[in-house]
């Protein structure tokens, strides 16, 4: 999912999951790591989407929205295509995954700790199972918006 596209909306549930803040490494080159933090947020009203804010020490933070299935799949196998790809990395005592973000203006590779992210994602699936992600979406309204204003940026 691209960072500029708004998520589809589903009906809310009562469950709440606190954000997950992870220490991550941004790879500047093959040998140089820049320690950083990333905050993962789950909203049960849009269960298929995980918002991730990459917190910058200096300058503005950057928020991307990812498919929950992409992140979950990338913990164990290659997942995603285009702007976002994720795959498992090290399998030692501190397993990790790689997250690659690409746009015409930006390319960033992050190493994420797999354990806490996997546990947090599993908690999101207990709140809204994968098979219920698209329940409650107003498909007619969504398609009507597309057909009324094809090519127009979302409002």
N, C-alpha and C. Protein backbone atom coordinates (compact mmCIF):
# COMPACT_ATOMS: atom_id res chain seq x y z
N UNK A 1 0.85 -1.17 0.00
CA UNK A 1 0.00 0.00 0.00
C UNK A 1 0.90 1.23 0.00
N UNK A 2 0.56 2.16 -0.76
CA UNK A 2 1.36 3.38 -0.89
C UNK A 2 1.00 4.36 0.22
N UNK A 3 1.94 5.15 0.66
CA UNK A 3 1.75 6.04 1.80
C UNK A 3 0.75 7.15 1.53
N UNK A 4 0.43 7.48 0.27
CA UNK A 4 -0.46 8.59 -0.03
C UNK A 4 -1.91 8.15 -0.25
N UNK A 5 -2.17 6.86 -0.26
CA UNK A 5 -3.52 6.39 -0.54
C UNK A 5 -4.28 6.24 0.78
N UNK A 6 -5.50 6.78 0.85
CA UNK A 6 -6.28 6.63 2.09
C UNK A 6 -6.78 5.20 2.22
N UNK A 7 -6.89 4.70 3.46
CA UNK A 7 -7.38 3.35 3.66
C UNK A 7 -8.89 3.29 3.48
N UNK A 8 -9.39 2.08 3.18
CA UNK A 8 -10.82 1.85 3.16
C UNK A 8 -11.30 1.76 4.60
N UNK A 9 -12.52 2.14 4.86
CA UNK A 9 -13.05 2.16 6.23
C UNK A 9 -14.00 0.98 6.46
N UNK A 10 -13.83 0.29 7.58
CA UNK A 10 -14.75 -0.75 8.02
C UNK A 10 -15.39 -0.27 9.32
N UNK A 11 -16.37 -1.02 9.81
CA UNK A 11 -17.02 -0.65 11.07
C UNK A 11 -16.07 -0.85 12.24
N UNK A 12 -16.11 0.05 13.23
CA UNK A 12 -15.23 -0.07 14.39
C UNK A 12 -15.66 -1.19 15.32
N UNK A 13 -14.70 -1.66 16.11
CA UNK A 13 -14.98 -2.60 17.18
C UNK A 13 -14.53 -1.95 18.47
N UNK A 14 -14.90 -2.55 19.58
CA UNK A 14 -14.60 -1.95 20.88
C UNK A 14 -13.16 -2.17 21.32
N UNK A 15 -12.47 -3.14 20.75
CA UNK A 15 -11.12 -3.48 21.19
C UNK A 15 -10.12 -2.39 20.83
N UNK A 16 -9.11 -2.25 21.69
CA UNK A 16 -8.06 -1.27 21.45
C UNK A 16 -6.72 -1.94 21.70
N UNK A 17 -5.76 -1.67 20.84
CA UNK A 17 -4.42 -2.20 20.98
C UNK A 17 -3.45 -1.02 21.02
N UNK A 18 -2.65 -0.91 22.06
CA UNK A 18 -1.70 0.21 22.11
C UNK A 18 -0.70 0.13 20.95
N UNK A 19 -0.16 1.27 20.55
CA UNK A 19 0.86 1.26 19.49
C UNK A 19 2.08 0.46 19.93
N UNK A 20 2.80 -0.05 18.97
CA UNK A 20 4.05 -0.76 19.21
C UNK A 20 5.18 0.16 18.77
N UNK A 21 6.09 0.48 19.66
CA UNK A 21 7.25 1.30 19.32
C UNK A 21 8.47 0.39 19.31
N UNK A 22 9.14 0.34 18.16
CA UNK A 22 10.30 -0.52 17.99
C UNK A 22 11.55 0.30 17.70
N UNK A 23 12.67 -0.17 18.24
CA UNK A 23 13.97 0.34 17.81
C UNK A 23 14.31 -0.40 16.53
N UNK A 24 14.55 0.34 15.47
CA UNK A 24 14.85 -0.24 14.16
C UNK A 24 16.16 0.37 13.66
N UNK A 25 16.75 -0.28 12.69
CA UNK A 25 17.95 0.26 12.05
C UNK A 25 17.65 0.57 10.60
N UNK A 26 17.97 1.78 10.19
CA UNK A 26 17.90 2.13 8.77
C UNK A 26 19.28 1.90 8.20
N UNK A 27 19.33 1.14 7.12
CA UNK A 27 20.61 0.82 6.48
C UNK A 27 20.95 1.94 5.49
N UNK A 28 22.03 2.66 5.80
CA UNK A 28 22.46 3.74 4.91
C UNK A 28 23.29 3.19 3.75
N UNK A 29 24.00 2.12 4.01
CA UNK A 29 24.72 1.36 2.99
C UNK A 29 24.90 -0.05 3.55
N UNK A 30 25.72 -0.84 2.91
CA UNK A 30 25.89 -2.24 3.30
C UNK A 30 26.38 -2.41 4.73
N UNK A 31 27.13 -1.46 5.26
CA UNK A 31 27.74 -1.61 6.57
C UNK A 31 27.32 -0.55 7.59
N UNK A 32 26.60 0.48 7.18
CA UNK A 32 26.29 1.60 8.07
C UNK A 32 24.82 1.59 8.46
N UNK A 33 24.60 1.51 9.77
CA UNK A 33 23.25 1.50 10.34
C UNK A 33 22.97 2.83 11.02
N UNK A 34 21.76 3.31 10.86
CA UNK A 34 21.31 4.51 11.56
C UNK A 34 20.17 4.08 12.49
N UNK A 35 20.44 4.02 13.81
CA UNK A 35 19.37 3.63 14.73
C UNK A 35 18.22 4.62 14.67
N UNK A 36 17.02 4.08 14.72
CA UNK A 36 15.82 4.90 14.61
C UNK A 36 14.71 4.22 15.39
N UNK A 37 13.54 4.81 15.37
CA UNK A 37 12.36 4.22 16.02
C UNK A 37 11.20 4.24 15.03
N UNK A 38 10.33 3.27 15.19
CA UNK A 38 9.13 3.20 14.37
C UNK A 38 7.95 2.87 15.29
N UNK A 39 6.85 3.59 15.08
CA UNK A 39 5.64 3.36 15.87
C UNK A 39 4.57 2.76 14.97
N UNK A 40 4.13 1.55 15.31
CA UNK A 40 3.12 0.81 14.56
C UNK A 40 1.77 1.03 15.24
N UNK A 41 0.75 1.43 14.45
CA UNK A 41 -0.58 1.68 15.00
C UNK A 41 -1.62 0.87 14.23
N UNK A 42 -2.55 0.31 15.01
CA UNK A 42 -3.64 -0.49 14.46
C UNK A 42 -4.96 0.16 14.86
N UNK A 43 -5.83 0.36 13.88
CA UNK A 43 -7.15 0.90 14.13
C UNK A 43 -8.15 -0.16 13.68
N UNK A 44 -8.95 -0.72 14.60
CA UNK A 44 -9.90 -1.76 14.21
C UNK A 44 -10.94 -1.30 13.19
N UNK A 45 -11.09 0.01 13.00
CA UNK A 45 -12.00 0.51 11.97
C UNK A 45 -11.42 0.31 10.57
N UNK A 46 -10.11 0.18 10.47
CA UNK A 46 -9.43 -0.10 9.19
C UNK A 46 -8.45 -1.25 9.43
N UNK A 47 -8.96 -2.45 9.70
CA UNK A 47 -8.10 -3.54 10.15
C UNK A 47 -7.09 -4.05 9.13
N UNK A 48 -7.32 -3.81 7.86
CA UNK A 48 -6.38 -4.29 6.84
C UNK A 48 -5.14 -3.40 6.73
N UNK A 49 -5.16 -2.27 7.45
CA UNK A 49 -4.10 -1.27 7.30
C UNK A 49 -3.37 -1.04 8.62
N UNK A 50 -2.05 -1.04 8.57
CA UNK A 50 -1.22 -0.69 9.72
C UNK A 50 -0.51 0.61 9.37
N UNK A 51 -0.64 1.61 10.23
CA UNK A 51 0.07 2.88 10.04
C UNK A 51 1.40 2.78 10.79
N UNK A 52 2.47 3.14 10.13
CA UNK A 52 3.80 3.12 10.75
C UNK A 52 4.40 4.51 10.61
N UNK A 53 4.74 5.08 11.76
CA UNK A 53 5.40 6.38 11.76
C UNK A 53 6.87 6.16 12.05
N UNK A 54 7.71 6.56 11.11
CA UNK A 54 9.15 6.49 11.29
C UNK A 54 9.57 7.79 11.96
N UNK A 55 10.00 7.68 13.20
CA UNK A 55 10.30 8.84 14.03
C UNK A 55 11.73 9.30 13.77
N UNK A 56 11.87 10.51 13.30
CA UNK A 56 13.19 11.06 12.99
C UNK A 56 13.74 11.79 14.21
N UNK A 57 15.05 11.64 14.45
CA UNK A 57 15.68 12.37 15.54
C UNK A 57 15.66 13.87 15.26
N UNK A 58 15.93 14.21 14.02
CA UNK A 58 15.86 15.61 13.56
C UNK A 58 14.98 15.64 12.33
N UNK A 59 14.14 16.63 12.26
CA UNK A 59 13.28 16.77 11.09
C UNK A 59 11.94 16.08 11.30
N UNK A 60 11.10 16.13 10.27
CA UNK A 60 9.75 15.59 10.39
C UNK A 60 9.75 14.06 10.36
N UNK A 61 8.77 13.49 11.02
CA UNK A 61 8.55 12.05 10.95
C UNK A 61 7.82 11.74 9.65
N UNK A 62 7.83 10.48 9.28
CA UNK A 62 7.20 10.05 8.04
C UNK A 62 6.24 8.92 8.36
N UNK A 63 4.98 9.02 7.90
CA UNK A 63 3.99 7.98 8.14
C UNK A 63 3.72 7.24 6.83
N UNK A 64 3.80 5.92 6.90
CA UNK A 64 3.43 5.05 5.79
C UNK A 64 2.29 4.17 6.26
N UNK A 65 1.45 3.74 5.34
CA UNK A 65 0.38 2.81 5.64
C UNK A 65 0.63 1.54 4.84
N UNK A 66 0.63 0.42 5.59
CA UNK A 66 0.94 -0.88 4.97
C UNK A 66 -0.23 -1.82 5.13
N UNK A 67 -0.34 -2.75 4.20
CA UNK A 67 -1.29 -3.83 4.37
C UNK A 67 -0.84 -4.71 5.53
N UNK A 68 -1.76 -5.02 6.41
CA UNK A 68 -1.42 -5.88 7.55
C UNK A 68 -0.93 -7.23 7.07
N UNK A 69 -1.53 -7.77 6.02
CA UNK A 69 -1.12 -9.06 5.48
C UNK A 69 0.32 -9.00 4.93
N UNK A 70 0.70 -7.87 4.34
CA UNK A 70 2.06 -7.71 3.83
C UNK A 70 3.06 -7.81 4.98
N UNK A 71 2.81 -7.08 6.07
CA UNK A 71 3.72 -7.12 7.21
C UNK A 71 3.77 -8.51 7.84
N UNK A 72 2.61 -9.11 8.02
CA UNK A 72 2.56 -10.44 8.63
C UNK A 72 3.27 -11.47 7.75
N UNK A 73 3.00 -11.43 6.46
CA UNK A 73 3.65 -12.37 5.54
C UNK A 73 5.15 -12.18 5.46
N UNK A 74 5.61 -10.91 5.56
CA UNK A 74 7.03 -10.62 5.46
C UNK A 74 7.86 -11.10 6.63
N UNK A 75 7.22 -11.54 7.69
CA UNK A 75 7.96 -12.10 8.83
C UNK A 75 8.55 -13.46 8.51
N UNK A 76 7.93 -14.18 7.55
CA UNK A 76 8.36 -15.55 7.26
C UNK A 76 8.71 -15.81 5.80
N UNK A 77 8.36 -14.90 4.89
CA UNK A 77 8.63 -15.10 3.46
C UNK A 77 8.63 -13.74 2.76
N UNK A 78 9.10 -13.70 1.51
CA UNK A 78 9.05 -12.47 0.73
C UNK A 78 7.60 -12.05 0.58
N UNK A 79 7.32 -10.77 0.83
CA UNK A 79 5.96 -10.26 0.78
C UNK A 79 5.99 -8.86 0.16
N UNK A 80 4.93 -8.55 -0.60
CA UNK A 80 4.82 -7.23 -1.19
C UNK A 80 5.46 -7.12 -2.55
N UNK A 81 5.24 -5.97 -3.18
CA UNK A 81 5.84 -5.66 -4.47
C UNK A 81 5.71 -4.16 -4.68
N UNK A 82 6.38 -3.64 -5.67
CA UNK A 82 6.27 -2.20 -5.93
C UNK A 82 6.95 -1.38 -4.86
N UNK A 83 6.20 -0.45 -4.26
CA UNK A 83 6.76 0.49 -3.29
C UNK A 83 7.24 -0.15 -2.00
N UNK A 84 6.65 -1.28 -1.62
CA UNK A 84 6.94 -1.89 -0.32
C UNK A 84 7.18 -3.38 -0.47
N UNK A 85 8.29 -3.83 0.12
CA UNK A 85 8.60 -5.26 0.17
C UNK A 85 9.16 -5.58 1.56
N UNK A 86 8.85 -6.78 2.03
CA UNK A 86 9.35 -7.20 3.33
C UNK A 86 9.70 -8.68 3.26
N UNK A 87 10.77 -9.07 3.96
CA UNK A 87 11.21 -10.47 3.96
C UNK A 87 11.98 -10.75 5.25
N UNK A 88 12.05 -12.06 5.62
CA UNK A 88 12.79 -12.40 6.84
C UNK A 88 14.28 -12.19 6.66
N UNK A 89 14.93 -11.83 7.74
CA UNK A 89 16.38 -11.61 7.73
C UNK A 89 17.06 -12.64 8.61
N UNK A 90 17.81 -12.14 9.58
CA UNK A 90 18.57 -13.02 10.47
C UNK A 90 17.64 -13.97 11.22
N UNK A 91 18.16 -15.16 11.50
CA UNK A 91 17.39 -16.14 12.26
C UNK A 91 18.16 -16.56 13.51
N UNK A 92 19.05 -15.69 14.01
CA UNK A 92 19.83 -16.02 15.21
C UNK A 92 18.99 -15.78 16.46
N UNK A 93 19.62 -15.52 17.61
CA UNK A 93 18.85 -15.33 18.85
C UNK A 93 17.97 -14.09 18.82
N UNK A 94 18.23 -13.14 17.94
CA UNK A 94 17.37 -11.97 17.76
C UNK A 94 16.93 -11.89 16.30
N UNK A 95 15.93 -12.70 15.91
CA UNK A 95 15.49 -12.70 14.51
C UNK A 95 15.02 -11.32 14.06
N UNK A 96 15.23 -11.05 12.79
CA UNK A 96 14.83 -9.76 12.23
C UNK A 96 14.21 -9.95 10.86
N UNK A 97 13.59 -8.87 10.39
CA UNK A 97 13.02 -8.82 9.05
C UNK A 97 13.48 -7.54 8.38
N UNK A 98 13.51 -7.56 7.06
CA UNK A 98 13.89 -6.38 6.28
C UNK A 98 12.64 -5.77 5.68
N UNK A 99 12.55 -4.44 5.75
CA UNK A 99 11.44 -3.69 5.16
C UNK A 99 12.03 -2.66 4.21
N UNK A 100 11.70 -2.78 2.92
CA UNK A 100 12.21 -1.87 1.89
C UNK A 100 11.07 -0.99 1.40
N UNK A 101 11.30 0.33 1.46
CA UNK A 101 10.34 1.32 1.00
C UNK A 101 10.97 2.06 -0.18
N UNK A 102 10.24 2.14 -1.27
CA UNK A 102 10.77 2.83 -2.46
C UNK A 102 9.71 3.74 -3.07
N UNK A 103 10.12 4.94 -3.40
CA UNK A 103 9.32 5.86 -4.19
C UNK A 103 10.29 6.51 -5.16
N UNK A 104 9.81 7.32 -6.10
CA UNK A 104 10.76 8.01 -6.97
C UNK A 104 11.73 8.91 -6.20
N UNK A 105 11.29 9.41 -5.02
CA UNK A 105 12.13 10.32 -4.25
C UNK A 105 12.90 9.65 -3.12
N UNK A 106 12.54 8.43 -2.75
CA UNK A 106 13.05 7.84 -1.52
C UNK A 106 13.29 6.35 -1.67
N UNK A 107 14.37 5.88 -1.08
CA UNK A 107 14.59 4.44 -0.92
C UNK A 107 15.15 4.25 0.47
N UNK A 108 14.47 3.43 1.26
CA UNK A 108 14.90 3.20 2.63
C UNK A 108 14.77 1.72 2.96
N UNK A 109 15.82 1.17 3.56
CA UNK A 109 15.82 -0.22 3.99
C UNK A 109 15.96 -0.24 5.50
N UNK A 110 15.01 -0.90 6.18
CA UNK A 110 15.00 -0.98 7.63
C UNK A 110 15.12 -2.43 8.07
N UNK A 111 15.85 -2.64 9.17
CA UNK A 111 15.87 -3.94 9.81
C UNK A 111 15.00 -3.84 11.07
N UNK A 112 14.01 -4.72 11.16
CA UNK A 112 13.03 -4.70 12.24
C UNK A 112 13.17 -5.95 13.10
N UNK A 113 13.03 -5.84 14.42
CA UNK A 113 13.04 -7.04 15.27
C UNK A 113 11.74 -7.83 15.05
N UNK A 114 11.88 -9.09 14.71
CA UNK A 114 10.73 -9.91 14.34
C UNK A 114 9.84 -10.28 15.53
N UNK A 115 10.42 -10.64 16.67
CA UNK A 115 9.65 -11.13 17.80
C UNK A 115 8.54 -10.19 18.26
N UNK A 116 8.88 -8.95 18.66
CA UNK A 116 7.82 -8.05 19.13
C UNK A 116 6.81 -7.69 18.04
N UNK A 117 7.26 -7.56 16.80
CA UNK A 117 6.34 -7.23 15.72
C UNK A 117 5.38 -8.39 15.47
N UNK A 118 5.88 -9.61 15.47
CA UNK A 118 5.02 -10.79 15.26
C UNK A 118 3.97 -10.89 16.36
N UNK A 119 4.38 -10.70 17.62
CA UNK A 119 3.43 -10.78 18.74
C UNK A 119 2.36 -9.69 18.62
N UNK A 120 2.76 -8.48 18.25
CA UNK A 120 1.83 -7.37 18.13
C UNK A 120 0.85 -7.62 16.97
N UNK A 121 1.37 -8.08 15.82
CA UNK A 121 0.49 -8.37 14.69
C UNK A 121 -0.49 -9.49 15.04
N UNK A 122 -0.03 -10.52 15.76
CA UNK A 122 -0.93 -11.59 16.19
C UNK A 122 -2.06 -11.01 17.03
N UNK A 123 -1.76 -10.03 17.89
CA UNK A 123 -2.79 -9.39 18.71
C UNK A 123 -3.80 -8.67 17.83
N UNK A 124 -3.35 -8.07 16.72
CA UNK A 124 -4.30 -7.39 15.83
C UNK A 124 -5.26 -8.39 15.20
N UNK A 125 -4.75 -9.60 14.89
CA UNK A 125 -5.61 -10.62 14.30
C UNK A 125 -6.59 -11.21 15.32
N UNK A 126 -6.27 -11.15 16.61
CA UNK A 126 -7.23 -11.57 17.62
C UNK A 126 -8.36 -10.55 17.74
N UNK A 127 -8.06 -9.28 17.49
CA UNK A 127 -9.08 -8.23 17.54
C UNK A 127 -9.97 -8.30 16.31
N UNK A 128 -9.36 -8.37 15.13
CA UNK A 128 -10.11 -8.49 13.87
C UNK A 128 -9.42 -9.56 13.04
N UNK A 129 -10.02 -10.75 12.93
CA UNK A 129 -9.42 -11.82 12.13
C UNK A 129 -9.31 -11.41 10.65
N UNK A 130 -8.38 -12.05 9.96
CA UNK A 130 -8.15 -11.73 8.55
C UNK A 130 -9.43 -11.86 7.72
N UNK A 131 -10.22 -12.87 7.99
CA UNK A 131 -11.43 -13.08 7.19
C UNK A 131 -12.50 -12.02 7.43
N UNK A 132 -12.35 -11.21 8.48
CA UNK A 132 -13.33 -10.17 8.79
C UNK A 132 -12.84 -8.78 8.40
N UNK A 133 -11.65 -8.67 7.80
CA UNK A 133 -11.06 -7.36 7.48
C UNK A 133 -11.95 -6.49 6.62
N UNK A 134 -12.62 -7.09 5.66
CA UNK A 134 -13.37 -6.30 4.68
C UNK A 134 -14.86 -6.21 4.99
N UNK A 135 -15.28 -6.78 6.13
CA UNK A 135 -16.69 -6.67 6.53
C UNK A 135 -17.01 -5.21 6.86
N UNK A 136 -18.16 -4.78 6.46
CA UNK A 136 -18.61 -3.45 6.83
C UNK A 136 -18.10 -2.34 5.92
N UNK A 137 -17.31 -2.68 4.93
CA UNK A 137 -16.84 -1.65 4.01
C UNK A 137 -17.98 -1.27 3.06
N UNK A 138 -18.17 -0.01 2.86
CA UNK A 138 -19.21 0.50 1.97
C UNK A 138 -18.67 0.46 0.54
N UNK A 139 -18.76 -0.71 -0.08
CA UNK A 139 -18.21 -0.89 -1.43
C UNK A 139 -18.95 -0.02 -2.43
N UNK A 140 -20.28 0.10 -2.28
CA UNK A 140 -21.05 0.94 -3.20
C UNK A 140 -20.58 2.38 -3.15
N UNK A 141 -20.40 2.91 -1.93
CA UNK A 141 -19.92 4.28 -1.77
C UNK A 141 -18.51 4.46 -2.32
N UNK A 142 -17.66 3.47 -2.08
CA UNK A 142 -16.29 3.52 -2.58
C UNK A 142 -16.28 3.55 -4.11
N UNK A 143 -17.02 2.62 -4.74
CA UNK A 143 -17.06 2.57 -6.20
C UNK A 143 -17.74 3.80 -6.78
N UNK A 144 -18.78 4.29 -6.12
CA UNK A 144 -19.45 5.51 -6.57
C UNK A 144 -18.46 6.68 -6.60
N UNK A 145 -17.64 6.78 -5.55
CA UNK A 145 -16.63 7.84 -5.50
C UNK A 145 -15.62 7.71 -6.62
N UNK A 146 -15.24 6.48 -6.93
CA UNK A 146 -14.28 6.28 -8.03
C UNK A 146 -14.89 6.65 -9.38
N UNK A 147 -16.14 6.24 -9.59
CA UNK A 147 -16.77 6.48 -10.88
C UNK A 147 -17.20 7.93 -11.07
N UNK A 148 -17.54 8.61 -9.98
CA UNK A 148 -17.92 10.03 -10.08
C UNK A 148 -16.73 10.92 -10.36
N UNK A 149 -15.57 10.55 -9.85
CA UNK A 149 -14.39 11.40 -9.98
C UNK A 149 -13.18 10.56 -10.37
N UNK A 150 -13.21 9.87 -11.53
CA UNK A 150 -12.05 9.05 -11.88
C UNK A 150 -10.80 9.91 -12.03
N UNK A 151 -9.74 9.44 -11.44
CA UNK A 151 -8.45 10.13 -11.55
C UNK A 151 -8.29 11.29 -10.61
N UNK A 152 -9.33 11.67 -9.91
CA UNK A 152 -9.22 12.79 -8.96
C UNK A 152 -8.58 12.31 -7.68
N UNK A 153 -7.72 13.10 -7.07
CA UNK A 153 -7.13 12.69 -5.79
C UNK A 153 -8.20 12.63 -4.72
N UNK A 154 -8.04 11.66 -3.77
CA UNK A 154 -9.04 11.54 -2.71
C UNK A 154 -9.09 12.81 -1.87
N UNK A 155 -10.29 13.15 -1.40
CA UNK A 155 -10.53 14.37 -0.68
C UNK A 155 -10.21 14.26 0.74
